[in-house]
Amino acid sequence: MDIRKIAVGPDYKSGAMHYIVGQKILNDSYVIHLIKYNERKDSFEIWIERGDEVLLWKEFSSTVPVSIEYNIYFQ
């Protein structure tokens, strides 16, 4: 399933950092391209893009509290 949003931190409303696919970051110079779970490392990765360049920006281990929202596709 596609991850649409991840909130990282213990308190979803006031203490977590929220990252959404398509969100502009770093002074609007990059966009969040992909949020994915890496099974091998047991971590969540946030990939960013600018033009044709796609880079791994952040990685959170499974020991950090996270809340995940998935894309839901209705037919």
PDB file of N, CA and C in Angstrom:
ATOM      1  N   MET A   1       0.839  -1.190   0.000  1.00  0.00           N
ATOM      2  CA  MET A   1       0.000   0.000   0.000  1.00  0.00           C
ATOM      3  C   MET A   1       0.878   1.246   0.000  1.00  0.00           C
ATOM      4  N   ASP A   2       0.387   2.271  -0.633  1.00  0.00           N
ATOM      5  CA  ASP A   2       1.097   3.546  -0.695  1.00  0.00           C
ATOM      6  C   ASP A   2       0.886   4.333   0.589  1.00  0.00           C
ATOM      7  N   ILE A   3       1.995   4.818   1.164  1.00  0.00           N
ATOM      8  CA  ILE A   3       1.900   5.690   2.335  1.00  0.00           C
ATOM      9  C   ILE A   3       1.718   7.117   1.844  1.00  0.00           C
ATOM     10  N   ARG A   4       0.682   7.790   2.342  1.00  0.00           N
ATOM     11  CA  ARG A   4       0.376   9.166   1.965  1.00  0.00           C
ATOM     12  C   ARG A   4       0.972  10.159   2.954  1.00  0.00           C
ATOM     13  N   LYS A   5       0.974   9.790   4.243  1.00  0.00           N
ATOM     14  CA  LYS A   5       1.412  10.710   5.283  1.00  0.00           C
ATOM     15  C   LYS A   5       2.016   9.912   6.431  1.00  0.00           C
ATOM     16  N   ILE A   6       3.043  10.486   7.065  1.00  0.00           N
ATOM     17  CA  ILE A   6       3.624   9.901   8.267  1.00  0.00           C
ATOM     18  C   ILE A   6       3.774  11.010   9.298  1.00  0.00           C
ATOM     19  N   ALA A   7       3.401  10.699  10.526  1.00  0.00           N
ATOM     20  CA  ALA A   7       3.611  11.606  11.648  1.00  0.00           C
ATOM     21  C   ALA A   7       4.617  10.928  12.563  1.00  0.00           C
ATOM     22  N   VAL A   8       5.689  11.626  12.891  1.00  0.00           N
ATOM     23  CA  VAL A   8       6.782  11.054  13.675  1.00  0.00           C
ATOM     24  C   VAL A   8       6.870  11.790  15.005  1.00  0.00           C
ATOM     25  N   GLY A   9       6.701  11.062  16.093  1.00  0.00           N
ATOM     26  CA  GLY A   9       6.774  11.643  17.428  1.00  0.00           C
ATOM     27  C   GLY A   9       5.692  11.093  18.320  1.00  0.00           C
ATOM     28  N   PRO A  10       5.831  11.315  19.612  1.00  0.00           N
ATOM     29  CA  PRO A  10       4.929  10.678  20.577  1.00  0.00           C
ATOM     30  C   PRO A  10       3.531  11.276  20.662  1.00  0.00           C
ATOM     31  N   ASP A  11       3.362  12.540  20.323  1.00  0.00           N
ATOM     32  CA  ASP A  11       2.061  13.203  20.459  1.00  0.00           C
ATOM     33  C   ASP A  11       1.612  13.696  19.089  1.00  0.00           C
ATOM     34  N   TYR A  12       0.658  12.995  18.481  1.00  0.00           N
ATOM     35  CA  TYR A  12       0.245  13.267  17.103  1.00  0.00           C
ATOM     36  C   TYR A  12      -0.146  14.728  16.879  1.00  0.00           C
ATOM     37  N   LYS A  13      -0.908  15.300  17.773  1.00  0.00           N
ATOM     38  CA  LYS A  13      -1.432  16.654  17.555  1.00  0.00           C
ATOM     39  C   LYS A  13      -0.426  17.767  17.834  1.00  0.00           C
ATOM     40  N   SER A  14       0.371  17.632  18.882  1.00  0.00           N
ATOM     41  CA  SER A  14       1.207  18.778  19.243  1.00  0.00           C
ATOM     42  C   SER A  14       2.709  18.508  19.249  1.00  0.00           C
ATOM     43  N   GLY A  15       3.120  17.254  19.209  1.00  0.00           N
ATOM     44  CA  GLY A  15       4.548  16.997  19.311  1.00  0.00           C
ATOM     45  C   GLY A  15       5.163  16.266  18.139  1.00  0.00           C
ATOM     46  N   ALA A  16       4.348  15.843  17.179  1.00  0.00           N
ATOM     47  CA  ALA A  16       4.867  15.060  16.057  1.00  0.00           C
ATOM     48  C   ALA A  16       5.169  15.945  14.853  1.00  0.00           C
ATOM     49  N   MET A  17       6.138  15.506  14.056  1.00  0.00           N
ATOM     50  CA  MET A  17       6.422  16.147  12.772  1.00  0.00           C
ATOM     51  C   MET A  17       5.615  15.389  11.716  1.00  0.00           C
ATOM     52  N   HIS A  18       4.934  16.120  10.840  1.00  0.00           N
ATOM     53  CA  HIS A  18       4.076  15.527   9.828  1.00  0.00           C
ATOM     54  C   HIS A  18       4.707  15.710   8.448  1.00  0.00           C
ATOM     55  N   TYR A  19       4.760  14.626   7.683  1.00  0.00           N
ATOM     56  CA  TYR A  19       5.314  14.645   6.332  1.00  0.00           C
ATOM     57  C   TYR A  19       4.295  14.033   5.385  1.00  0.00           C
ATOM     58  N   ILE A  20       3.996  14.739   4.279  1.00  0.00           N
ATOM     59  CA  ILE A  20       2.977  14.315   3.327  1.00  0.00           C
ATOM     60  C   ILE A  20       3.589  14.277   1.931  1.00  0.00           C
ATOM     61  N   VAL A  21       3.302  13.206   1.188  1.00  0.00           N
ATOM     62  CA  VAL A  21       3.773  13.123  -0.193  1.00  0.00           C
ATOM     63  C   VAL A  21       3.223  14.328  -0.966  1.00  0.00           C
ATOM     64  N   GLY A  22       4.092  15.012  -1.696  1.00  0.00           N
ATOM     65  CA  GLY A  22       3.719  16.212  -2.443  1.00  0.00           C
ATOM     66  C   GLY A  22       3.983  17.502  -1.685  1.00  0.00           C
ATOM     67  N   GLN A  23       4.319  17.412  -0.413  1.00  0.00           N
ATOM     68  CA  GLN A  23       4.592  18.593   0.416  1.00  0.00           C
ATOM     69  C   GLN A  23       5.913  19.242   0.010  1.00  0.00           C
ATOM     70  N   LYS A  24       5.903  20.569  -0.114  1.00  0.00           N
ATOM     71  CA  LYS A  24       7.124  21.314  -0.404  1.00  0.00           C
ATOM     72  C   LYS A  24       7.926  21.469   0.876  1.00  0.00           C
ATOM     73  N   ILE A  25       9.251  21.300   0.770  1.00  0.00           N
ATOM     74  CA  ILE A  25      10.130  21.380   1.929  1.00  0.00           C
ATOM     75  C   ILE A  25      11.411  22.114   1.559  1.00  0.00           C
ATOM     76  N   LEU A  26      12.237  22.385   2.558  1.00  0.00           N
ATOM     77  CA  LEU A  26      13.541  23.020   2.363  1.00  0.00           C
ATOM     78  C   LEU A  26      13.436  24.287   1.511  1.00  0.00           C
ATOM     79  N   ASN A  27      12.694  25.262   2.027  1.00  0.00           N
ATOM     80  CA  ASN A  27      12.461  26.543   1.327  1.00  0.00           C
ATOM     81  C   ASN A  27      11.836  26.354  -0.046  1.00  0.00           C
ATOM     82  N   ASP A  28      10.923  25.395  -0.136  1.00  0.00           N
ATOM     83  CA  ASP A  28      10.201  25.078  -1.385  1.00  0.00           C
ATOM     84  C   ASP A  28      11.114  24.615  -2.514  1.00  0.00           C
ATOM     85  N   SER A  29      12.330  24.179  -2.198  1.00  0.00           N
ATOM     86  CA  SER A  29      13.250  23.741  -3.252  1.00  0.00           C
ATOM     87  C   SER A  29      13.113  22.249  -3.559  1.00  0.00           C
ATOM     88  N   TYR A  30      12.477  21.496  -2.670  1.00  0.00           N
ATOM     89  CA  TYR A  30      12.240  20.066  -2.879  1.00  0.00           C
ATOM     90  C   TYR A  30      10.788  19.740  -2.565  1.00  0.00           C
ATOM     91  N   VAL A  31      10.348  18.581  -3.042  1.00  0.00           N
ATOM     92  CA  VAL A  31       9.011  18.060  -2.769  1.00  0.00           C
ATOM     93  C   VAL A  31       9.174  16.639  -2.251  1.00  0.00           C
ATOM     94  N   ILE A  32       8.362  16.261  -1.274  1.00  0.00           N
ATOM     95  CA  ILE A  32       8.407  14.874  -0.803  1.00  0.00           C
ATOM     96  C   ILE A  32       7.871  13.983  -1.915  1.00  0.00           C
ATOM     97  N   HIS A  33       8.714  13.096  -2.376  1.00  0.00           N
ATOM     98  CA  HIS A  33       8.426  12.226  -3.521  1.00  0.00           C
ATOM     99  C   HIS A  33       7.772  10.915  -3.092  1.00  0.00           C
ATOM    100  N   LEU A  34       8.267  10.325  -1.990  1.00  0.00           N
ATOM    101  CA  LEU A  34       7.828   8.992  -1.604  1.00  0.00           C
ATOM    102  C   LEU A  34       8.096   8.777  -0.116  1.00  0.00           C
ATOM    103  N   ILE A  35       7.156   8.126   0.552  1.00  0.00           N
ATOM    104  CA  ILE A  35       7.366   7.656   1.920  1.00  0.00           C
ATOM    105  C   ILE A  35       7.204   6.149   1.865  1.00  0.00           C
ATOM    106  N   LYS A  36       8.222   5.421   2.303  1.00  0.00           N
ATOM    107  CA  LYS A  36       8.134   3.964   2.202  1.00  0.00           C
ATOM    108  C   LYS A  36       8.717   3.284   3.429  1.00  0.00           C
ATOM    109  N   TYR A  37       8.256   2.073   3.645  1.00  0.00           N
ATOM    110  CA  TYR A  37       8.771   1.247   4.730  1.00  0.00           C
ATOM    111  C   TYR A  37       9.854   0.344   4.163  1.00  0.00           C
ATOM    112  N   ASN A  38      11.009   0.336   4.796  1.00  0.00           N
ATOM    113  CA  ASN A  38      12.121  -0.510   4.382  1.00  0.00           C
ATOM    114  C   ASN A  38      12.130  -1.733   5.305  1.00  0.00           C
ATOM    115  N   GLU A  39      11.683  -2.864   4.779  1.00  0.00           N
ATOM    116  CA  GLU A  39      11.583  -4.086   5.593  1.00  0.00           C
ATOM    117  C   GLU A  39      12.948  -4.574   6.067  1.00  0.00           C
ATOM    118  N   ARG A  40      13.937  -4.458   5.220  1.00  0.00           N
ATOM    119  CA  ARG A  40      15.274  -4.954   5.562  1.00  0.00           C
ATOM    120  C   ARG A  40      15.846  -4.216   6.775  1.00  0.00           C
ATOM    121  N   LYS A  41      15.641  -2.893   6.822  1.00  0.00           N
ATOM    122  CA  LYS A  41      16.164  -2.085   7.927  1.00  0.00           C
ATOM    123  C   LYS A  41      15.141  -1.855   9.037  1.00  0.00           C
ATOM    124  N   ASP A  42      13.891  -2.266   8.802  1.00  0.00           N
ATOM    125  CA  ASP A  42      12.799  -2.014   9.744  1.00  0.00           C
ATOM    126  C   ASP A  42      12.717  -0.524  10.062  1.00  0.00           C
ATOM    127  N   SER A  43      12.631   0.282   8.987  1.00  0.00           N
ATOM    128  CA  SER A  43      12.590   1.734   9.145  1.00  0.00           C
ATOM    129  C   SER A  43      11.680   2.358   8.094  1.00  0.00           C
ATOM    130  N   PHE A  44      11.320   3.609   8.327  1.00  0.00           N
ATOM    131  CA  PHE A  44      10.546   4.386   7.365  1.00  0.00           C
ATOM    132  C   PHE A  44      11.476   5.399   6.707  1.00  0.00           C
ATOM    133  N   GLU A  45      11.372   5.535   5.388  1.00  0.00           N
ATOM    134  CA  GLU A  45      12.228   6.444   4.615  1.00  0.00           C
ATOM    135  C   GLU A  45      11.383   7.516   3.946  1.00  0.00           C
ATOM    136  N   ILE A  46      11.912   8.727   3.918  1.00  0.00           N
ATOM    137  CA  ILE A  46      11.269   9.829   3.205  1.00  0.00           C
ATOM    138  C   ILE A  46      12.210  10.243   2.083  1.00  0.00           C
ATOM    139  N   TRP A  47      11.730  10.111   0.854  1.00  0.00           N
ATOM    140  CA  TRP A  47      12.495  10.444  -0.349  1.00  0.00           C
ATOM    141  C   TRP A  47      11.981  11.769  -0.894  1.00  0.00           C
ATOM    142  N   ILE A  48      12.908  12.648  -1.321  1.00  0.00           N
ATOM    143  CA  ILE A  48      12.536  13.960  -1.847  1.00  0.00           C
ATOM    144  C   ILE A  48      13.023  14.098  -3.288  1.00  0.00           C
ATOM    145  N   GLU A  49      12.422  15.039  -4.011  1.00  0.00           N
ATOM    146  CA  GLU A  49      12.812  15.240  -5.403  1.00  0.00           C
ATOM    147  C   GLU A  49      12.899  16.712  -5.754  1.00  0.00           C
ATOM    148  N   ARG A  50      13.756  16.970  -6.725  1.00  0.00           N
ATOM    149  CA  ARG A  50      13.890  18.292  -7.341  1.00  0.00           C
ATOM    150  C   ARG A  50      14.308  18.018  -8.777  1.00  0.00           C
ATOM    151  N   GLY A  51      13.450  18.349  -9.725  1.00  0.00           N
ATOM    152  CA  GLY A  51      13.732  18.030 -11.119  1.00  0.00           C
ATOM    153  C   GLY A  51      13.813  16.519 -11.299  1.00  0.00           C
ATOM    154  N   ASP A  52      14.898  16.031 -11.899  1.00  0.00           N
ATOM    155  CA  ASP A  52      15.100  14.594 -12.108  1.00  0.00           C
ATOM    156  C   ASP A  52      15.836  13.928 -10.947  1.00  0.00           C
ATOM    157  N   GLU A  53      16.199  14.691  -9.937  1.00  0.00           N
ATOM    158  CA  GLU A  53      16.978  14.187  -8.817  1.00  0.00           C
ATOM    159  C   GLU A  53      16.054  13.705  -7.693  1.00  0.00           C
ATOM    160  N   VAL A  54      16.250  12.457  -7.239  1.00  0.00           N
ATOM    161  CA  VAL A  54      15.502  11.896  -6.109  1.00  0.00           C
ATOM    162  C   VAL A  54      16.508  11.431  -5.072  1.00  0.00           C
ATOM    163  N   LEU A  55      16.332  11.916  -3.829  1.00  0.00           N
ATOM    164  CA  LEU A  55      17.292  11.638  -2.757  1.00  0.00           C
ATOM    165  C   LEU A  55      16.590  11.130  -1.506  1.00  0.00           C
ATOM    166  N   LEU A  56      17.280  10.258  -0.767  1.00  0.00           N
ATOM    167  CA  LEU A  56      16.799   9.871   0.553  1.00  0.00           C
ATOM    168  C   LEU A  56      17.077  11.040   1.495  1.00  0.00           C
ATOM    169  N   TRP A  57      16.038  11.565   2.133  1.00  0.00           N
ATOM    170  CA  TRP A  57      16.165  12.744   2.979  1.00  0.00           C
ATOM    171  C   TRP A  57      16.192  12.376   4.460  1.00  0.00           C
ATOM    172  N   LYS A  58      15.238  11.544   4.891  1.00  0.00           N
ATOM    173  CA  LYS A  58      15.148  11.175   6.300  1.00  0.00           C
ATOM    174  C   LYS A  58      14.832   9.695   6.414  1.00  0.00           C
ATOM    175  N   GLU A  59      15.280   9.130   7.533  1.00  0.00           N
ATOM    176  CA  GLU A  59      14.976   7.738   7.828  1.00  0.00           C
ATOM    177  C   GLU A  59      14.713   7.625   9.324  1.00  0.00           C
ATOM    178  N   PHE A  60      13.621   6.955   9.682  1.00  0.00           N
ATOM    179  CA  PHE A  60      13.228   6.798  11.075  1.00  0.00           C
ATOM    180  C   PHE A  60      13.185   5.322  11.410  1.00  0.00           C
ATOM    181  N   SER A  61      13.873   4.936  12.476  1.00  0.00           N
ATOM    182  CA  SER A  61      13.889   3.534  12.883  1.00  0.00           C
ATOM    183  C   SER A  61      12.542   3.157  13.502  1.00  0.00           C
ATOM    184  N   SER A  62      12.340   1.875  13.647  1.00  0.00           N
ATOM    185  CA  SER A  62      11.066   1.384  14.196  1.00  0.00           C
ATOM    186  C   SER A  62      10.914   1.701  15.680  1.00  0.00           C
ATOM    187  N   THR A  63      11.957   2.188  16.330  1.00  0.00           N
ATOM    188  CA  THR A  63      11.855   2.526  17.753  1.00  0.00           C
ATOM    189  C   THR A  63      11.217   3.894  17.976  1.00  0.00           C
ATOM    190  N   VAL A  64      11.100   4.695  16.921  1.00  0.00           N
ATOM    191  CA  VAL A  64      10.474   6.022  17.017  1.00  0.00           C
ATOM    192  C   VAL A  64       8.966   5.856  16.815  1.00  0.00           C
ATOM    193  N   PRO A  65       8.133   6.486  17.650  1.00  0.00           N
ATOM    194  CA  PRO A  65       6.681   6.380  17.451  1.00  0.00           C
ATOM    195  C   PRO A  65       6.259   7.047  16.139  1.00  0.00           C
ATOM    196  N   VAL A  66       5.487   6.331  15.324  1.00  0.00           N
ATOM    197  CA  VAL A  66       4.984   6.879  14.064  1.00  0.00           C
ATOM    198  C   VAL A  66       3.505   6.555  13.908  1.00  0.00           C
ATOM    199  N   SER A  67       2.824   7.412  13.175  1.00  0.00           N
ATOM    200  CA  SER A  67       1.448   7.182  12.759  1.00  0.00           C
ATOM    201  C   SER A  67       1.440   7.275  11.243  1.00  0.00           C
ATOM    202  N   ILE A  68       0.810   6.308  10.597  1.00  0.00           N
ATOM    203  CA  ILE A  68       0.830   6.210   9.137  1.00  0.00           C
ATOM    204  C   ILE A  68      -0.567   6.411   8.575  1.00  0.00           C
ATOM    205  N   GLU A  69      -0.666   7.171   7.487  1.00  0.00           N
ATOM    206  CA  GLU A  69      -1.900   7.258   6.703  1.00  0.00           C
ATOM    207  C   GLU A  69      -1.595   6.716   5.322  1.00  0.00           C
ATOM    208  N   TYR A  70      -2.452   5.837   4.842  1.00  0.00           N
ATOM    209  CA  TYR A  70      -2.262   5.227   3.524  1.00  0.00           C
ATOM    210  C   TYR A  70      -3.201   5.865   2.513  1.00  0.00           C
ATOM    211  N   ASN A  71      -2.802   5.832   1.244  1.00  0.00           N
ATOM    212  CA  ASN A  71      -3.703   6.218   0.174  1.00  0.00           C
ATOM    213  C   ASN A  71      -4.773   5.150   0.049  1.00  0.00           C
ATOM    214  N   ILE A  72      -5.999   5.566  -0.117  1.00  0.00           N
ATOM    215  CA  ILE A  72      -7.105   4.636  -0.332  1.00  0.00           C
ATOM    216  C   ILE A  72      -7.697   4.957  -1.695  1.00  0.00           C
ATOM    217  N   TYR A  73      -7.756   3.949  -2.522  1.00  0.00           N
ATOM    218  CA  TYR A  73      -8.274   4.130  -3.881  1.00  0.00           C
ATOM    219  C   TYR A  73      -9.626   3.447  -3.986  1.00  0.00           C
ATOM    220  N   PHE A  74     -10.670   4.236  -4.185  1.00  0.00           N
ATOM    221  CA  PHE A  74     -12.011   3.702  -4.333  1.00  0.00           C
ATOM    222  C   PHE A  74     -12.300   3.482  -5.804  1.00  0.00           C
ATOM    223  N   GLN A  75     -13.028   2.415  -6.081  1.00  0.00           N
ATOM    224  CA  GLN A  75     -13.368   2.103  -7.497  1.00  0.00           C
ATOM    225  C   GLN A  75     -14.816   2.391  -7.762  1.00  0.00           C
TER     226      GLN A  75
END
